[in-house]
């Protein structure tokens, strides 16, 4: 009697290949964004810090009297 042939094997591997490719692409984008160094102002500004506000300076003077 008639033997049926399975013809879905190649299509199954194609779907697996697409899923694995999508996972690899997402992982690549994630790692690239995590380790990519941007110069958008994320790095600290070189040089001394800006001027200290007067009230914080006064509070620091009072606090240092106790040490």
PDB file of N, CA and C in Angstrom:
ATOM      1  N   UNK A   1       0.716  -0.944   0.000  1.00  0.00           N
ATOM      2  CA  UNK A   1       0.000   0.000   0.000  1.00  0.00           C
ATOM      3  C   UNK A   1       0.905   1.193   0.000  1.00  0.00           C
ATOM      4  N   UNK A   2       0.386   2.309  -0.044  1.00  0.00           N
ATOM      5  CA  UNK A   2       1.187   3.508  -0.284  1.00  0.00           C
ATOM      6  C   UNK A   2       1.938   3.969   0.957  1.00  0.00           C
ATOM      7  N   UNK A   3       3.222   4.078   0.831  1.00  0.00           N
ATOM      8  CA  UNK A   3       4.031   4.607   1.926  1.00  0.00           C
ATOM      9  C   UNK A   3       4.075   6.132   1.825  1.00  0.00           C
ATOM     10  N   UNK A   4       3.825   6.769   2.936  1.00  0.00           N
ATOM     11  CA  UNK A   4       3.855   8.229   2.935  1.00  0.00           C
ATOM     12  C   UNK A   4       5.260   8.703   3.264  1.00  0.00           C
ATOM     13  N   UNK A   5       5.693   9.702   2.575  1.00  0.00           N
ATOM     14  CA  UNK A   5       7.027  10.237   2.749  1.00  0.00           C
ATOM     15  C   UNK A   5       6.947  11.496   3.613  1.00  0.00           C
ATOM     16  N   UNK A   6       7.861  11.642   4.567  1.00  0.00           N
ATOM     17  CA  UNK A   6       7.898  12.855   5.390  1.00  0.00           C
ATOM     18  C   UNK A   6       8.692  13.903   4.636  1.00  0.00           C
ATOM     19  N   UNK A   7       8.091  15.021   4.357  1.00  0.00           N
ATOM     20  CA  UNK A   7       8.783  16.078   3.621  1.00  0.00           C
ATOM     21  C   UNK A   7       9.006  17.324   4.471  1.00  0.00           C
ATOM     22  N   UNK A   8       8.740  17.254   5.765  1.00  0.00           N
ATOM     23  CA  UNK A   8       8.883  18.421   6.632  1.00  0.00           C
ATOM     24  C   UNK A   8      10.232  18.514   7.314  1.00  0.00           C
ATOM     25  N   UNK A   9      11.131  17.600   7.104  1.00  0.00           N
ATOM     26  CA  UNK A   9      12.425  17.598   7.782  1.00  0.00           C
ATOM     27  C   UNK A   9      13.273  18.791   7.425  1.00  0.00           C
ATOM     28  N   UNK A  10      13.328  19.153   6.159  1.00  0.00           N
ATOM     29  CA  UNK A  10      14.137  20.288   5.724  1.00  0.00           C
ATOM     30  C   UNK A  10      13.554  21.609   6.246  1.00  0.00           C
ATOM     31  N   UNK A  11      12.256  21.704   6.267  1.00  0.00           N
ATOM     32  CA  UNK A  11      11.609  22.918   6.757  1.00  0.00           C
ATOM     33  C   UNK A  11      11.825  23.085   8.259  1.00  0.00           C
ATOM     34  N   UNK A  12      11.866  22.007   9.003  1.00  0.00           N
ATOM     35  CA  UNK A  12      12.119  22.065  10.443  1.00  0.00           C
ATOM     36  C   UNK A  12      13.512  22.605  10.743  1.00  0.00           C
ATOM     37  N   UNK A  13      14.518  22.146   9.972  1.00  0.00           N
ATOM     38  CA  UNK A  13      15.883  22.637  10.164  1.00  0.00           C
ATOM     39  C   UNK A  13      15.992  24.101   9.764  1.00  0.00           C
ATOM     40  N   UNK A  14      15.238  24.514   8.780  1.00  0.00           N
ATOM     41  CA  UNK A  14      15.241  25.922   8.366  1.00  0.00           C
ATOM     42  C   UNK A  14      14.696  26.806   9.483  1.00  0.00           C
ATOM     43  N   UNK A  15      13.641  26.363  10.144  1.00  0.00           N
ATOM     44  CA  UNK A  15      13.066  27.132  11.258  1.00  0.00           C
ATOM     45  C   UNK A  15      14.051  27.191  12.420  1.00  0.00           C
ATOM     46  N   UNK A  16      14.715  26.075  12.715  1.00  0.00           N
ATOM     47  CA  UNK A  16      15.721  26.053  13.781  1.00  0.00           C
ATOM     48  C   UNK A  16      16.854  27.014  13.451  1.00  0.00           C
ATOM     49  N   UNK A  17      17.284  27.046  12.200  1.00  0.00           N
ATOM     50  CA  UNK A  17      18.350  27.941  11.773  1.00  0.00           C
ATOM     51  C   UNK A  17      17.945  29.405  11.939  1.00  0.00           C
ATOM     52  N   UNK A  18      16.720  29.737  11.616  1.00  0.00           N
ATOM     53  CA  UNK A  18      16.234  31.119  11.775  1.00  0.00           C
ATOM     54  C   UNK A  18      16.180  31.502  13.251  1.00  0.00           C
ATOM     55  N   UNK A  19      15.710  30.606  14.108  1.00  0.00           N
ATOM     56  CA  UNK A  19      15.615  30.902  15.540  1.00  0.00           C
ATOM     57  C   UNK A  19      17.009  31.078  16.144  1.00  0.00           C
ATOM     58  N   UNK A  20      17.950  30.195  15.797  1.00  0.00           N
ATOM     59  CA  UNK A  20      19.307  30.307  16.323  1.00  0.00           C
ATOM     60  C   UNK A  20      19.966  31.589  15.810  1.00  0.00           C
ATOM     61  N   UNK A  21      19.723  31.948  14.564  1.00  0.00           N
ATOM     62  CA  UNK A  21      20.263  33.196  14.020  1.00  0.00           C
ATOM     63  C   UNK A  21      19.712  34.409  14.731  1.00  0.00           C
ATOM     64  N   UNK A  22      18.427  34.400  15.042  1.00  0.00           N
ATOM     65  CA  UNK A  22      17.816  35.526  15.750  1.00  0.00           C
ATOM     66  C   UNK A  22      18.391  35.655  17.162  1.00  0.00           C
ATOM     67  N   UNK A  23      18.612  34.523  17.821  1.00  0.00           N
ATOM     68  CA  UNK A  23      19.191  34.550  19.168  1.00  0.00           C
ATOM     69  C   UNK A  23      20.620  35.081  19.110  1.00  0.00           C
ATOM     70  N   UNK A  24      21.394  34.628  18.122  1.00  0.00           N
ATOM     71  CA  UNK A  24      22.775  35.099  17.984  1.00  0.00           C
ATOM     72  C   UNK A  24      22.815  36.594  17.681  1.00  0.00           C
ATOM     73  N   UNK A  25      21.908  37.071  16.851  1.00  0.00           N
ATOM     74  CA  UNK A  25      21.854  38.494  16.520  1.00  0.00           C
ATOM     75  C   UNK A  25      21.497  39.327  17.748  1.00  0.00           C
ATOM     76  N   UNK A  26      20.515  38.881  18.520  1.00  0.00           N
ATOM     77  CA  UNK A  26      20.130  39.610  19.736  1.00  0.00           C
ATOM     78  C   UNK A  26      21.269  39.618  20.749  1.00  0.00           C
ATOM     79  N   UNK A  27      21.979  38.503  20.890  1.00  0.00           N
ATOM     80  CA  UNK A  27      23.104  38.435  21.800  1.00  0.00           C
ATOM     81  C   UNK A  27      24.234  39.354  21.346  1.00  0.00           C
ATOM     82  N   UNK A  28      24.478  39.397  20.056  1.00  0.00           N
ATOM     83  CA  UNK A  28      25.513  40.277  19.520  1.00  0.00           C
ATOM     84  C   UNK A  28      25.199  41.741  19.761  1.00  0.00           C
ATOM     85  N   UNK A  29      23.956  42.162  19.511  1.00  0.00           N
ATOM     86  CA  UNK A  29      23.572  43.548  19.762  1.00  0.00           C
ATOM     87  C   UNK A  29      23.665  43.893  21.242  1.00  0.00           C
ATOM     88  N   UNK A  30      23.261  42.960  22.093  1.00  0.00           N
ATOM     89  CA  UNK A  30      23.303  43.207  23.533  1.00  0.00           C
ATOM     90  C   UNK A  30      24.739  43.392  24.013  1.00  0.00           C
ATOM     91  N   UNK A  31      25.623  42.503  23.582  1.00  0.00           N
ATOM     92  CA  UNK A  31      27.018  42.618  24.004  1.00  0.00           C
ATOM     93  C   UNK A  31      27.688  43.847  23.420  1.00  0.00           C
ATOM     94  N   UNK A  32      27.345  44.200  22.189  1.00  0.00           N
ATOM     95  CA  UNK A  32      27.944  45.389  21.575  1.00  0.00           C
ATOM     96  C   UNK A  32      27.513  46.646  22.317  1.00  0.00           C
ATOM     97  N   UNK A  33      26.243  46.727  22.672  1.00  0.00           N
ATOM     98  CA  UNK A  33      25.757  47.912  23.398  1.00  0.00           C
ATOM     99  C   UNK A  33      26.301  47.971  24.814  1.00  0.00           C
ATOM    100  N   UNK A  34      26.542  46.819  25.416  1.00  0.00           N
ATOM    101  CA  UNK A  34      27.038  46.805  26.794  1.00  0.00           C
ATOM    102  C   UNK A  34      28.499  47.223  26.864  1.00  0.00           C
ATOM    103  N   UNK A  35      29.308  46.793  25.909  1.00  0.00           N
ATOM    104  CA  UNK A  35      30.731  47.058  25.968  1.00  0.00           C
ATOM    105  C   UNK A  35      31.179  48.184  25.049  1.00  0.00           C
ATOM    106  N   UNK A  36      30.264  48.802  24.322  1.00  0.00           N
ATOM    107  CA  UNK A  36      30.624  49.871  23.392  1.00  0.00           C
ATOM    108  C   UNK A  36      30.835  51.156  24.167  1.00  0.00           C
ATOM    109  N   UNK A  37      31.986  51.812  23.955  1.00  0.00           N
ATOM    110  CA  UNK A  37      32.304  53.066  24.636  1.00  0.00           C
ATOM    111  C   UNK A  37      31.761  54.230  23.821  1.00  0.00           C
ATOM    112  N   UNK A  38      30.841  54.969  24.389  1.00  0.00           N
ATOM    113  CA  UNK A  38      30.291  56.153  23.730  1.00  0.00           C
ATOM    114  C   UNK A  38      30.985  57.399  24.260  1.00  0.00           C
ATOM    115  N   UNK A  39      31.086  58.417  23.421  1.00  0.00           N
ATOM    116  CA  UNK A  39      31.595  59.712  23.851  1.00  0.00           C
ATOM    117  C   UNK A  39      30.455  60.714  23.941  1.00  0.00           C
ATOM    118  N   UNK A  40      29.329  60.268  24.489  1.00  0.00           N
ATOM    119  CA  UNK A  40      28.143  61.118  24.606  1.00  0.00           C
ATOM    120  C   UNK A  40      28.100  61.857  25.933  1.00  0.00           C
ATOM    121  N   UNK A  41      29.217  61.939  26.631  1.00  0.00           N
ATOM    122  CA  UNK A  41      29.219  62.597  27.929  1.00  0.00           C
ATOM    123  C   UNK A  41      29.115  61.613  29.072  1.00  0.00           C
ATOM    124  N   UNK A  42      29.216  60.323  28.798  1.00  0.00           N
ATOM    125  CA  UNK A  42      29.158  59.341  29.859  1.00  0.00           C
ATOM    126  C   UNK A  42      30.457  59.299  30.658  1.00  0.00           C
ATOM    127  N   UNK A  43      31.551  59.724  30.045  1.00  0.00           N
ATOM    128  CA  UNK A  43      32.831  59.689  30.730  1.00  0.00           C
ATOM    129  C   UNK A  43      32.973  60.948  31.592  1.00  0.00           C
ATOM    130  N   UNK A  44      33.742  60.856  32.689  1.00  0.00           N
ATOM    131  CA  UNK A  44      33.888  62.024  33.555  1.00  0.00           C
ATOM    132  C   UNK A  44      34.687  63.138  32.859  1.00  0.00           C
ATOM    133  N   UNK A  45      34.430  64.351  33.271  1.00  0.00           N
ATOM    134  CA  UNK A  45      35.099  65.509  32.698  1.00  0.00           C
ATOM    135  C   UNK A  45      36.470  65.652  33.361  1.00  0.00           C
ATOM    136  N   UNK A  46      37.537  65.774  32.593  1.00  0.00           N
ATOM    137  CA  UNK A  46      38.858  65.918  33.208  1.00  0.00           C
ATOM    138  C   UNK A  46      39.014  67.282  33.863  1.00  0.00           C
ATOM    139  N   UNK A  47      39.857  67.336  34.866  1.00  0.00           N
ATOM    140  CA  UNK A  47      40.120  68.602  35.536  1.00  0.00           C
ATOM    141  C   UNK A  47      39.498  68.656  36.916  1.00  0.00           C
ATOM    142  N   UNK A  48      39.756  69.740  37.635  1.00  0.00           N
ATOM    143  CA  UNK A  48      39.206  69.860  38.991  1.00  0.00           C
ATOM    144  C   UNK A  48      37.700  70.106  38.944  1.00  0.00           C
ATOM    145  N   UNK A  49      37.023  69.786  40.048  1.00  0.00           N
ATOM    146  CA  UNK A  49      35.580  70.023  40.088  1.00  0.00           C
ATOM    147  C   UNK A  49      35.262  71.512  40.102  1.00  0.00           C
ATOM    148  N   UNK A  50      34.030  71.817  39.798  1.00  0.00           N
ATOM    149  CA  UNK A  50      33.596  73.212  39.748  1.00  0.00           C
ATOM    150  C   UNK A  50      33.558  73.849  41.127  1.00  0.00           C
ATOM    151  N   UNK A  51      33.149  75.112  41.201  1.00  0.00           N
ATOM    152  CA  UNK A  51      33.121  75.823  42.487  1.00  0.00           C
ATOM    153  C   UNK A  51      32.070  75.234  43.426  1.00  0.00           C
ATOM    154  N   UNK A  52      32.419  75.255  44.709  1.00  0.00           N
ATOM    155  CA  UNK A  52      31.520  74.731  45.728  1.00  0.00           C
ATOM    156  C   UNK A  52      30.584  75.857  46.161  1.00  0.00           C
ATOM    157  N   UNK A  53      29.319  75.518  46.306  1.00  0.00           N
ATOM    158  CA  UNK A  53      28.354  76.522  46.762  1.00  0.00           C
ATOM    159  C   UNK A  53      28.716  76.965  48.188  1.00  0.00           C
ATOM    160  N   UNK A  54      28.454  78.196  48.505  1.00  0.00           N
ATOM    161  CA  UNK A  54      28.872  78.786  49.784  1.00  0.00           C
ATOM    162  C   UNK A  54      28.263  78.067  50.980  1.00  0.00           C
ATOM    163  N   UNK A  55      26.993  77.704  50.910  1.00  0.00           N
ATOM    164  CA  UNK A  55      26.378  77.086  52.088  1.00  0.00           C
ATOM    165  C   UNK A  55      26.963  75.706  52.358  1.00  0.00           C
ATOM    166  N   UNK A  56      27.373  74.999  51.319  1.00  0.00           N
ATOM    167  CA  UNK A  56      28.012  73.704  51.542  1.00  0.00           C
ATOM    168  C   UNK A  56      29.417  73.893  52.101  1.00  0.00           C
ATOM    169  N   UNK A  57      30.075  74.942  51.677  1.00  0.00           N
ATOM    170  CA  UNK A  57      31.393  75.254  52.242  1.00  0.00           C
ATOM    171  C   UNK A  57      31.302  75.583  53.721  1.00  0.00           C
ATOM    172  N   UNK A  58      30.287  76.360  54.089  1.00  0.00           N
ATOM    173  CA  UNK A  58      30.096  76.705  55.501  1.00  0.00           C
ATOM    174  C   UNK A  58      29.783  75.452  56.327  1.00  0.00           C
ATOM    175  N   UNK A  59      28.952  74.584  55.799  1.00  0.00           N
ATOM    176  CA  UNK A  59      28.612  73.347  56.508  1.00  0.00           C
ATOM    177  C   UNK A  59      29.844  72.469  56.667  1.00  0.00           C
ATOM    178  N   UNK A  60      30.706  72.456  55.662  1.00  0.00           N
ATOM    179  CA  UNK A  60      31.934  71.665  55.748  1.00  0.00           C
ATOM    180  C   UNK A  60      32.869  72.224  56.811  1.00  0.00           C
ATOM    181  N   UNK A  61      32.977  73.546  56.904  1.00  0.00           N
ATOM    182  CA  UNK A  61      33.829  74.158  57.932  1.00  0.00           C
ATOM    183  C   UNK A  61      33.333  73.800  59.331  1.00  0.00           C
ATOM    184  N   UNK A  62      32.026  73.859  59.539  1.00  0.00           N
ATOM    185  CA  UNK A  62      31.466  73.522  60.844  1.00  0.00           C
ATOM    186  C   UNK A  62      31.687  72.045  61.162  1.00  0.00           C
ATOM    187  N   UNK A  63      31.502  71.187  60.165  1.00  0.00           N
ATOM    188  CA  UNK A  63      31.669  69.754  60.399  1.00  0.00           C
ATOM    189  C   UNK A  63      33.120  69.410  60.709  1.00  0.00           C
ATOM    190  N   UNK A  64      34.066  70.105  60.082  1.00  0.00           N
ATOM    191  CA  UNK A  64      35.471  69.807  60.305  1.00  0.00           C
ATOM    192  C   UNK A  64      35.947  70.270  61.681  1.00  0.00           C
ATOM    193  N   UNK A  65      35.202  71.143  62.332  1.00  0.00           N
ATOM    194  CA  UNK A  65      35.587  71.589  63.683  1.00  0.00           C
ATOM    195  C   UNK A  65      35.498  70.448  64.679  1.00  0.00           C
ATOM    196  N   UNK A  66      34.684  69.438  64.408  1.00  0.00           N
ATOM    197  CA  UNK A  66      34.489  68.325  65.328  1.00  0.00           C
ATOM    198  C   UNK A  66      35.551  67.240  65.165  1.00  0.00           C
ATOM    199  N   UNK A  67      36.393  67.356  64.141  1.00  0.00           N
ATOM    200  CA  UNK A  67      37.391  66.303  63.928  1.00  0.00           C
ATOM    201  C   UNK A  67      38.713  66.741  64.413  1.00  0.00           C
TER     202      UNK A  67
END
